[in-house]
Amino acid sequence: MKRRTVLGLGAASLFVGALPLRAATPGVSATEIKIGQTAAYSGPASISSPVAKTQLAYFDMINAKGGINGRKVNLISLDDGYSPPKTVEQVRRLVEQDEVLLIFGQIGTAPGLASRAYLNAGEVPQLFTSGGAAAFNNPKEFPWTVGTSITYRGEAIQFGKYIAKHLPDAKVGIIFQNDDFGRDYQRGVRQGLGDKADEAIIAEQGFETTEPTIESQLLSLRAAGVDVLVIGCITKYAIMALSFLGKQNWRPQVMLTNGSISVSQVLEPAGKENALNALTATPYKDASDPRWKDDPEYKNYTAFMAQYAKDLNPNDQYALSGYITVQLMAEVLRRAGDDLSRENILKVVTNLEGYRPGMVGADVSIRITPDNYDMFQSLQFMKFNGTNWEPVDAGLTGG
């Protein structure tokens, strides 16, 4: 497998059609397309690095199979350490020095938002960012930015609706990081609970992602009598929260963000027993669930991982997320055909429907329109059974 290295990180290749361009486009020649990316290979969110590593491996697979329409695409993936100032620095390098066509698959809400204004001012597509803040769905002010994650608020609304329907006497506590990510969960749960919110939510605790521990906040929630705990945190703090439950022998009903449900990367380090019966809402199949062993999409996914990403765990939710996102990017390139202008790339992305990546749930629909960049139109509730996540019929509809 051939891969050039940028600042110690891998870059991969994808072949797409080597036809003449209609006009000169940054990052595109008759033989090559350059795409840029920032990811958390280090720092507090480095646990998410399998997202980017899987995407690089997928491009290697496409390359080995002859690519798309004959052009070679070079993904330049740079470490930003989940630090917004570093993200901006790396993005400027990618755009101004490496002259990439677009930015693809950035990791993190805060890093994605930090570079959003710069990219939109330059009309550079910022596509399939792995951050579910509602701010990523703002086509009027930031038309060049399209997210890919479940919106945090949309997931949290589902949490609130579930509580209202199935746990009407719940004493709800929310722990959230004090940024767009966490506040979307805080607001979304309230919105989902509707007129029951003020009565049901008895305690809320925010924290800064620079804090070394969240134990004091969790102690306050426990002391308040919380019996349903919504954990609106990135993985590092989700692990802390679940570990705390075990140490304190505290067993509330847990609701976990979709970004913190990896069995290998989150639940095992935290103690799987501490996440027993935890709930989440996701558009993905759980690769660790044996129910999928004969599923053609699962077989394709695991075969790809075994051949091109041997050092990664196919059951890792981050690897699966990267696999789904990179399929979307490849599909956009296919649909763009020979018109690889930034304008046409954006047009293709914002009119994306009728395509379903492998390993997305059968009942999950994907649609992006010029007026609504929220990709996932429905979600599947899941419960952790101690080994893997299994579907739950929540009896809920809509977002």
Protein backbone atom coordinates (compact mmCIF):
# COMPACT_ATOMS: atom_id res chain seq x y z
CA MET A 1 0.00 0.00 0.00
CA LYS A 2 1.54 3.31 -1.08
CA ARG A 3 0.83 6.40 0.95
CA ARG A 4 2.75 9.65 1.22
CA THR A 5 3.16 11.22 4.63
CA VAL A 6 2.27 14.76 5.65
CA LEU A 7 3.55 15.93 9.04
CA GLY A 8 3.83 12.31 10.13
CA LEU A 9 0.30 11.42 9.00
CA GLY A 10 -0.84 9.21 6.14
CA ALA A 11 -2.32 10.45 2.89
CA ALA A 12 -4.12 8.16 0.52
CA SER A 13 -5.08 8.05 -3.13
CA LEU A 14 -8.35 7.66 -5.03
CA PHE A 15 -8.64 7.54 -8.82
CA VAL A 16 -11.32 9.65 -10.51
CA GLY A 17 -11.90 10.53 -14.20
CA ALA A 18 -8.89 12.08 -15.94
CA LEU A 19 -10.88 14.22 -18.37
CA PRO A 20 -10.19 17.87 -19.28
CA LEU A 21 -11.61 20.41 -16.82
CA ARG A 22 -13.94 23.12 -18.01
CA ALA A 23 -11.91 25.71 -16.11
CA ALA A 24 -8.94 25.78 -13.77
CA THR A 25 -10.02 24.65 -10.29
CA PRO A 26 -7.85 24.69 -7.13
CA GLY A 27 -6.68 21.21 -6.25
CA VAL A 28 -7.66 19.68 -9.59
CA SER A 29 -5.54 18.81 -12.61
CA ALA A 30 -6.06 16.41 -15.47
CA THR A 31 -4.64 13.61 -13.34
CA GLU A 32 -5.15 14.54 -9.68
CA ILE A 33 -7.58 15.87 -7.10
CA LYS A 34 -6.31 17.04 -3.71
CA ILE A 35 -8.67 16.94 -0.74
CA GLY A 36 -7.77 18.20 2.73
CA GLN A 37 -8.72 17.08 6.21
CA THR A 38 -7.96 17.84 9.85
CA ALA A 39 -8.36 15.14 12.49
CA ALA A 40 -7.62 14.54 16.16
CA TYR A 41 -4.66 12.19 15.95
CA SER A 42 -3.54 13.66 19.28
CA GLY A 43 -5.19 15.59 22.11
CA PRO A 44 -8.38 14.98 24.12
CA ALA A 45 -10.34 13.51 21.19
CA SER A 46 -7.57 11.29 19.78
CA ILE A 47 -9.77 8.28 20.51
CA SER A 48 -11.71 9.34 17.38
CA SER A 49 -8.69 8.93 15.06
CA PRO A 50 -10.05 5.65 13.55
CA VAL A 51 -12.54 7.84 11.66
CA ALA A 52 -9.79 9.40 9.56
CA LYS A 53 -7.68 6.23 9.40
CA THR A 54 -10.63 4.29 7.98
CA GLN A 55 -11.24 6.99 5.38
CA LEU A 56 -7.60 6.83 4.26
CA ALA A 57 -7.85 3.03 4.02
CA TYR A 58 -11.07 3.25 2.00
CA PHE A 59 -9.37 5.48 -0.55
CA ASP A 60 -6.61 2.88 -0.78
CA MET A 61 -9.26 0.28 -1.62
CA ILE A 62 -10.84 2.46 -4.28
CA ASN A 63 -7.37 3.07 -5.73
CA ALA A 64 -6.65 -0.66 -5.88
CA LYS A 65 -9.91 -1.25 -7.74
CA GLY A 66 -9.19 1.36 -10.41
CA GLY A 67 -10.75 4.38 -8.78
CA ILE A 68 -13.49 6.67 -10.00
CA ASN A 69 -13.39 7.99 -13.55
CA GLY A 70 -9.59 7.91 -13.79
CA ARG A 71 -8.35 10.80 -11.63
CA LYS A 72 -6.12 10.27 -8.63
CA VAL A 73 -7.38 11.93 -5.44
CA ASN A 74 -4.87 12.67 -2.73
CA LEU A 75 -6.34 13.04 0.77
CA ILE A 76 -3.99 15.12 2.91
CA SER A 77 -4.87 14.42 6.54
CA LEU A 78 -3.32 16.69 9.19
CA ASP A 79 -3.36 16.51 12.98
CA ASP A 80 -5.01 19.44 14.77
CA GLY A 81 -5.05 17.90 18.26
CA TYR A 82 -8.74 18.87 18.63
CA SER A 83 -7.50 22.42 19.16
CA PRO A 84 -9.51 25.05 17.23
CA PRO A 85 -6.57 27.47 16.77
CA LYS A 86 -4.48 24.59 15.40
CA THR A 87 -7.36 23.61 13.14
CA VAL A 88 -7.45 27.07 11.60
CA GLU A 89 -3.69 26.98 11.07
CA GLN A 90 -3.85 23.57 9.39
CA VAL A 91 -6.85 24.46 7.23
CA ARG A 92 -5.14 27.61 5.99
CA ARG A 93 -2.13 25.51 5.07
CA LEU A 94 -4.30 23.02 3.20
CA VAL A 95 -6.11 25.74 1.24
CA GLU A 96 -3.32 28.24 0.65
CA GLN A 97 -0.23 26.04 0.36
CA ASP A 98 -1.50 22.62 -0.66
CA GLU A 99 -4.31 24.18 -2.73
CA VAL A 100 -6.88 21.49 -1.98
CA LEU A 101 -10.22 21.41 -3.75
CA LEU A 102 -12.21 21.01 -0.54
CA ILE A 103 -12.04 20.10 3.13
CA PHE A 104 -13.52 16.70 3.95
CA GLY A 105 -14.44 14.89 7.15
CA GLN A 106 -13.00 17.21 9.79
CA ILE A 107 -13.21 15.74 13.28
CA GLY A 108 -15.02 17.71 15.97
CA THR A 109 -17.59 20.42 16.46
CA ALA A 110 -15.29 23.11 17.86
CA PRO A 111 -12.58 22.56 15.19
CA GLY A 112 -15.18 22.49 12.42
CA LEU A 113 -16.81 25.70 13.58
CA ALA A 114 -13.45 27.42 14.06
CA SER A 115 -12.60 27.03 10.37
CA ARG A 116 -16.13 27.53 9.02
CA ALA A 117 -16.03 31.31 8.47
CA TYR A 118 -12.65 31.17 6.70
CA LEU A 119 -13.76 28.39 4.35
CA ASN A 120 -17.09 30.01 3.53
CA ALA A 121 -15.43 33.36 2.86
CA GLY A 122 -13.22 31.61 0.30
CA GLU A 123 -16.13 29.51 -1.05
CA VAL A 124 -14.25 26.30 -0.24
CA PRO A 125 -16.55 23.32 0.40
CA GLN A 126 -16.37 22.04 3.99
CA LEU A 127 -18.02 18.66 3.62
CA PHE A 128 -19.22 15.90 5.93
CA THR A 129 -17.73 17.38 9.07
CA SER A 130 -17.94 14.93 11.99
CA GLY A 131 -19.76 17.28 14.30
CA GLY A 132 -23.47 17.37 14.96
CA ALA A 133 -23.95 20.92 16.22
CA ALA A 134 -27.11 22.55 14.90
CA ALA A 135 -24.81 25.35 13.70
CA PHE A 136 -23.62 23.09 10.85
CA ASN A 137 -27.10 23.28 9.32
CA ASN A 138 -27.10 26.94 8.35
CA PRO A 139 -27.26 27.07 4.54
CA LYS A 140 -28.32 30.71 4.50
CA GLU A 141 -25.25 32.09 6.29
CA PHE A 142 -22.73 29.27 5.68
CA PRO A 143 -23.76 27.51 2.46
CA TRP A 144 -20.36 25.86 1.93
CA THR A 145 -20.49 23.89 5.20
CA VAL A 146 -22.30 20.53 5.33
CA GLY A 147 -22.11 18.28 8.39
CA THR A 148 -22.49 14.53 8.49
CA SER A 149 -23.19 13.57 12.09
CA ILE A 150 -26.59 13.22 13.64
CA THR A 151 -27.41 16.67 14.92
CA TYR A 152 -26.83 16.73 18.66
CA ARG A 153 -30.02 18.63 19.26
CA GLY A 154 -32.00 16.21 17.09
CA GLU A 155 -30.67 13.25 19.06
CA ALA A 156 -31.32 15.00 22.36
CA ILE A 157 -34.88 15.80 21.30
CA GLN A 158 -35.36 12.07 20.77
CA PHE A 159 -33.97 11.46 24.26
CA GLY A 160 -36.49 13.91 25.72
CA LYS A 161 -39.37 12.30 23.81
CA TYR A 162 -38.30 8.85 24.98
CA ILE A 163 -38.21 10.00 28.60
CA ALA A 164 -41.63 11.64 28.32
CA LYS A 165 -43.15 8.50 26.76
CA HIS A 166 -41.45 5.69 28.66
CA LEU A 167 -40.14 7.27 31.89
CA PRO A 168 -42.82 9.80 32.86
CA ASP A 169 -41.73 9.98 36.52
CA ALA A 170 -38.02 10.38 35.77
CA LYS A 171 -35.79 12.75 37.68
CA VAL A 172 -33.52 13.88 34.87
CA GLY A 173 -29.99 15.18 35.21
CA ILE A 174 -27.84 16.46 32.36
CA ILE A 175 -24.06 16.73 32.36
CA PHE A 176 -22.79 18.67 29.36
CA GLN A 177 -19.65 20.31 28.13
CA ASN A 178 -19.97 24.08 27.94
CA ASP A 179 -19.76 24.50 24.16
CA ASP A 180 -22.03 24.12 21.13
CA PHE A 181 -21.84 20.33 21.43
CA GLY A 182 -22.98 20.14 25.05
CA ARG A 183 -25.48 22.98 24.96
CA ASP A 184 -27.28 21.33 22.05
CA TYR A 185 -27.92 18.31 24.30
CA GLN A 186 -29.04 20.53 27.15
CA ARG A 187 -31.50 22.39 24.93
CA GLY A 188 -32.60 19.36 22.92
CA VAL A 189 -33.64 17.27 25.93
CA ARG A 190 -35.74 20.19 27.13
CA GLN A 191 -37.33 20.56 23.72
CA GLY A 192 -38.13 16.84 23.56
CA LEU A 193 -39.70 16.86 27.01
CA GLY A 194 -41.85 19.83 26.04
CA ASP A 195 -44.08 21.15 28.83
CA LYS A 196 -42.74 18.41 31.14
CA ALA A 197 -39.19 19.77 31.03
CA ASP A 198 -39.21 22.03 34.08
CA GLU A 199 -40.67 19.30 36.26
CA ALA A 200 -38.61 16.42 34.91
CA ILE A 201 -35.16 18.06 34.79
CA ILE A 202 -34.04 18.47 38.39
CA ALA A 203 -30.33 19.23 37.86
CA GLU A 204 -27.91 20.33 35.13
CA GLN A 205 -24.13 20.55 35.34
CA GLY A 206 -21.83 22.08 32.74
CA PHE A 207 -18.04 21.89 32.52
CA GLU A 208 -15.15 23.14 30.40
CA THR A 209 -13.19 20.68 28.26
CA THR A 210 -10.00 21.95 29.90
CA GLU A 211 -11.10 20.50 33.25
CA PRO A 212 -9.15 17.38 34.29
CA THR A 213 -12.14 15.76 35.99
CA ILE A 214 -15.94 16.09 36.18
CA GLU A 215 -16.34 14.26 39.47
CA SER A 216 -17.69 17.25 41.41
CA GLN A 217 -20.40 17.84 38.80
CA LEU A 218 -21.41 14.17 38.89
CA LEU A 219 -21.50 14.18 42.69
CA SER A 220 -23.88 17.15 42.54
CA LEU A 221 -26.18 15.32 40.13
CA ARG A 222 -26.23 12.23 42.31
CA ALA A 223 -26.92 14.28 45.43
CA ALA A 224 -29.87 15.90 43.64
CA GLY A 225 -31.52 12.48 43.25
CA VAL A 226 -31.09 12.06 39.49
CA ASP A 227 -32.29 8.68 38.18
CA VAL A 228 -31.99 9.40 34.42
CA LEU A 229 -28.57 10.75 33.43
CA VAL A 230 -28.02 12.33 30.00
CA ILE A 231 -24.27 12.41 29.24
CA GLY A 232 -23.66 15.18 26.67
CA CYS A 233 -19.87 14.85 26.49
CA ILE A 234 -17.07 13.88 24.15
CA THR A 235 -15.56 10.45 24.68
CA LYS A 236 -12.92 11.40 27.25
CA TYR A 237 -15.56 12.72 29.64
CA ALA A 238 -18.12 10.05 28.79
CA ILE A 239 -15.57 7.47 29.98
CA MET A 240 -15.09 9.49 33.17
CA ALA A 241 -18.84 9.64 33.75
CA LEU A 242 -19.42 5.91 33.22
CA SER A 243 -16.42 5.02 35.39
CA PHE A 244 -17.81 7.28 38.12
CA LEU A 245 -21.10 5.34 38.09
CA GLY A 246 -19.21 2.14 38.83
CA LYS A 247 -17.08 3.64 41.58
CA GLN A 248 -20.13 5.14 43.28
CA ASN A 249 -22.38 2.10 42.63
CA TRP A 250 -24.85 4.56 41.14
CA ARG A 251 -27.24 3.06 38.58
CA PRO A 252 -29.34 5.72 36.86
CA GLN A 253 -30.77 5.15 33.40
CA VAL A 254 -27.97 6.43 31.16
CA MET A 255 -28.46 8.14 27.81
CA LEU A 256 -25.27 8.40 25.75
CA THR A 257 -24.51 10.59 22.77
CA ASN A 258 -24.00 8.70 19.53
CA GLY A 259 -20.37 9.82 19.48
CA SER A 260 -19.62 8.02 22.75
CA ILE A 261 -21.01 4.53 22.17
CA SER A 262 -17.98 2.68 20.81
CA VAL A 263 -17.76 -0.60 22.72
CA SER A 264 -14.00 -0.94 22.29
CA GLN A 265 -13.03 2.71 22.66
CA VAL A 266 -15.49 3.93 25.31
CA LEU A 267 -17.50 1.23 27.05
CA GLU A 268 -14.67 -1.23 27.63
CA PRO A 269 -12.29 1.38 29.11
CA ALA A 270 -15.12 2.69 31.30
CA GLY A 271 -16.30 -0.81 32.29
CA LYS A 272 -19.07 -2.32 30.15
CA GLU A 273 -21.04 -3.18 33.27
CA ASN A 274 -21.34 0.55 33.99
CA ALA A 275 -23.12 1.08 30.64
CA LEU A 276 -25.55 -1.85 30.96
CA ASN A 277 -28.98 -0.82 29.57
CA ALA A 278 -27.66 2.57 28.42
CA LEU A 279 -29.67 4.07 25.56
CA THR A 280 -28.62 5.93 22.44
CA ALA A 281 -30.06 6.91 19.06
CA THR A 282 -28.07 6.11 15.93
CA PRO A 283 -28.43 5.72 12.16
CA TYR A 284 -25.82 2.94 12.00
CA LYS A 285 -25.88 -0.82 12.30
CA ASP A 286 -23.79 -2.01 15.26
CA ALA A 287 -20.88 -3.92 13.73
CA SER A 288 -20.42 -5.86 16.98
CA ASP A 289 -23.99 -7.21 16.88
CA PRO A 290 -23.96 -10.86 15.74
CA ARG A 291 -27.33 -10.38 14.08
CA TRP A 292 -25.48 -8.88 11.08
CA LYS A 293 -23.03 -11.75 10.50
CA ASP A 294 -24.79 -12.86 7.29
CA ASP A 295 -25.69 -9.37 6.11
CA PRO A 296 -24.04 -8.52 2.73
CA GLU A 297 -23.19 -4.98 3.86
CA TYR A 298 -21.54 -6.29 7.01
CA LYS A 299 -19.56 -8.81 4.97
CA ASN A 300 -18.37 -6.06 2.61
CA TYR A 301 -17.39 -3.85 5.55
CA THR A 302 -15.45 -6.50 7.46
CA ALA A 303 -13.73 -7.73 4.29
CA PHE A 304 -12.60 -4.17 3.56
CA MET A 305 -11.34 -3.70 7.11
CA ALA A 306 -9.49 -7.03 7.10
CA GLN A 307 -7.64 -6.18 3.88
CA TYR A 308 -7.06 -2.43 4.08
CA ALA A 309 -7.31 -1.49 7.78
CA LYS A 310 -5.87 -4.47 9.61
CA ASP A 311 -4.70 -2.36 12.55
CA LEU A 312 -8.22 -1.07 13.25
CA ASN A 313 -11.11 -2.79 15.06
CA PRO A 314 -14.15 -3.17 12.75
CA ASN A 315 -16.39 -3.11 15.84
CA ASP A 316 -15.14 0.38 16.69
CA GLN A 317 -17.95 2.88 16.17
CA TYR A 318 -15.43 5.47 15.01
CA ALA A 319 -14.13 3.19 12.28
CA LEU A 320 -17.71 2.52 11.18
CA SER A 321 -18.49 6.25 11.16
CA GLY A 322 -15.47 6.91 8.96
CA TYR A 323 -16.52 4.11 6.62
CA ILE A 324 -19.98 5.58 6.13
CA THR A 325 -18.75 9.15 5.67
CA VAL A 326 -16.11 8.27 3.10
CA GLN A 327 -18.69 6.38 1.04
CA LEU A 328 -20.65 9.63 0.85
CA MET A 329 -17.58 11.56 -0.29
CA ALA A 330 -16.82 9.00 -2.99
CA GLU A 331 -20.44 9.12 -4.18
CA VAL A 332 -20.30 12.91 -4.48
CA LEU A 333 -17.17 12.63 -6.64
CA ARG A 334 -18.88 10.05 -8.83
CA ARG A 335 -21.97 12.21 -9.26
CA ALA A 336 -19.89 15.32 -9.99
CA GLY A 337 -18.47 13.55 -13.04
CA ASP A 338 -16.11 15.78 -15.00
CA ASP A 339 -17.40 19.03 -13.50
CA LEU A 340 -15.18 19.17 -10.41
CA SER A 341 -15.64 22.87 -9.82
CA ARG A 342 -16.33 23.85 -6.24
CA GLU A 343 -19.72 25.17 -7.30
CA ASN A 344 -20.76 21.85 -8.81
CA ILE A 345 -19.43 19.85 -5.86
CA LEU A 346 -21.65 21.94 -3.58
CA LYS A 347 -24.62 21.48 -5.92
CA VAL A 348 -24.18 17.71 -5.88
CA VAL A 349 -23.87 17.55 -2.09
CA THR A 350 -26.89 19.75 -1.43
CA ASN A 351 -29.08 17.69 -3.71
CA LEU A 352 -28.04 14.33 -2.30
CA GLU A 353 -30.76 11.72 -2.07
CA GLY A 354 -31.45 8.25 -3.38
CA TYR A 355 -28.15 6.97 -1.98
CA ARG A 356 -27.69 4.76 1.05
CA PRO A 357 -24.15 3.93 2.24
CA GLY A 358 -23.39 0.41 3.42
CA MET A 359 -23.94 -0.22 7.17
CA VAL A 360 -26.62 2.44 7.58
CA GLY A 361 -29.78 1.08 9.20
CA ALA A 362 -32.42 -0.18 6.81
CA ASP A 363 -35.07 2.20 8.17
CA VAL A 364 -32.79 5.24 8.16
CA SER A 365 -33.25 7.76 5.35
CA ILE A 366 -30.62 10.21 4.05
CA ARG A 367 -31.48 13.42 2.26
CA ILE A 368 -29.73 16.79 1.88
CA THR A 369 -31.45 19.72 0.18
CA PRO A 370 -30.33 23.31 -0.49
CA ASP A 371 -32.56 24.47 2.37
CA ASN A 372 -31.85 21.70 4.89
CA TYR A 373 -28.40 20.20 5.46
CA ASP A 374 -29.55 17.78 8.20
CA MET A 375 -28.63 14.49 6.56
CA PHE A 376 -30.30 11.84 8.71
CA GLN A 377 -34.07 12.11 8.60
CA SER A 378 -34.68 9.28 11.11
CA LEU A 379 -32.82 7.41 13.86
CA GLN A 380 -32.91 4.01 15.55
CA PHE A 381 -33.00 3.74 19.37
CA MET A 382 -30.51 1.22 20.72
CA LYS A 383 -29.85 -0.33 24.15
CA PHE A 384 -26.53 -1.74 25.36
CA ASN A 385 -27.03 -5.33 26.50
CA GLY A 386 -23.61 -5.71 28.09
CA THR A 387 -21.97 -6.95 24.89
CA ASN A 388 -23.34 -4.91 21.98
CA TRP A 389 -26.07 -2.44 21.05
CA GLU A 390 -29.43 -3.89 20.08
CA PRO A 391 -32.44 -2.13 18.51
CA VAL A 392 -35.25 -0.90 20.74
CA ASP A 393 -38.75 -0.10 19.53
CA ALA A 394 -39.11 3.33 21.11
CA GLY A 395 -42.42 4.09 19.43
CA LEU A 396 -41.20 7.55 18.40
CA THR A 397 -41.50 9.29 15.05
CA GLY A 398 -39.84 12.33 13.51
CA GLY A 399 -36.96 14.48 14.75
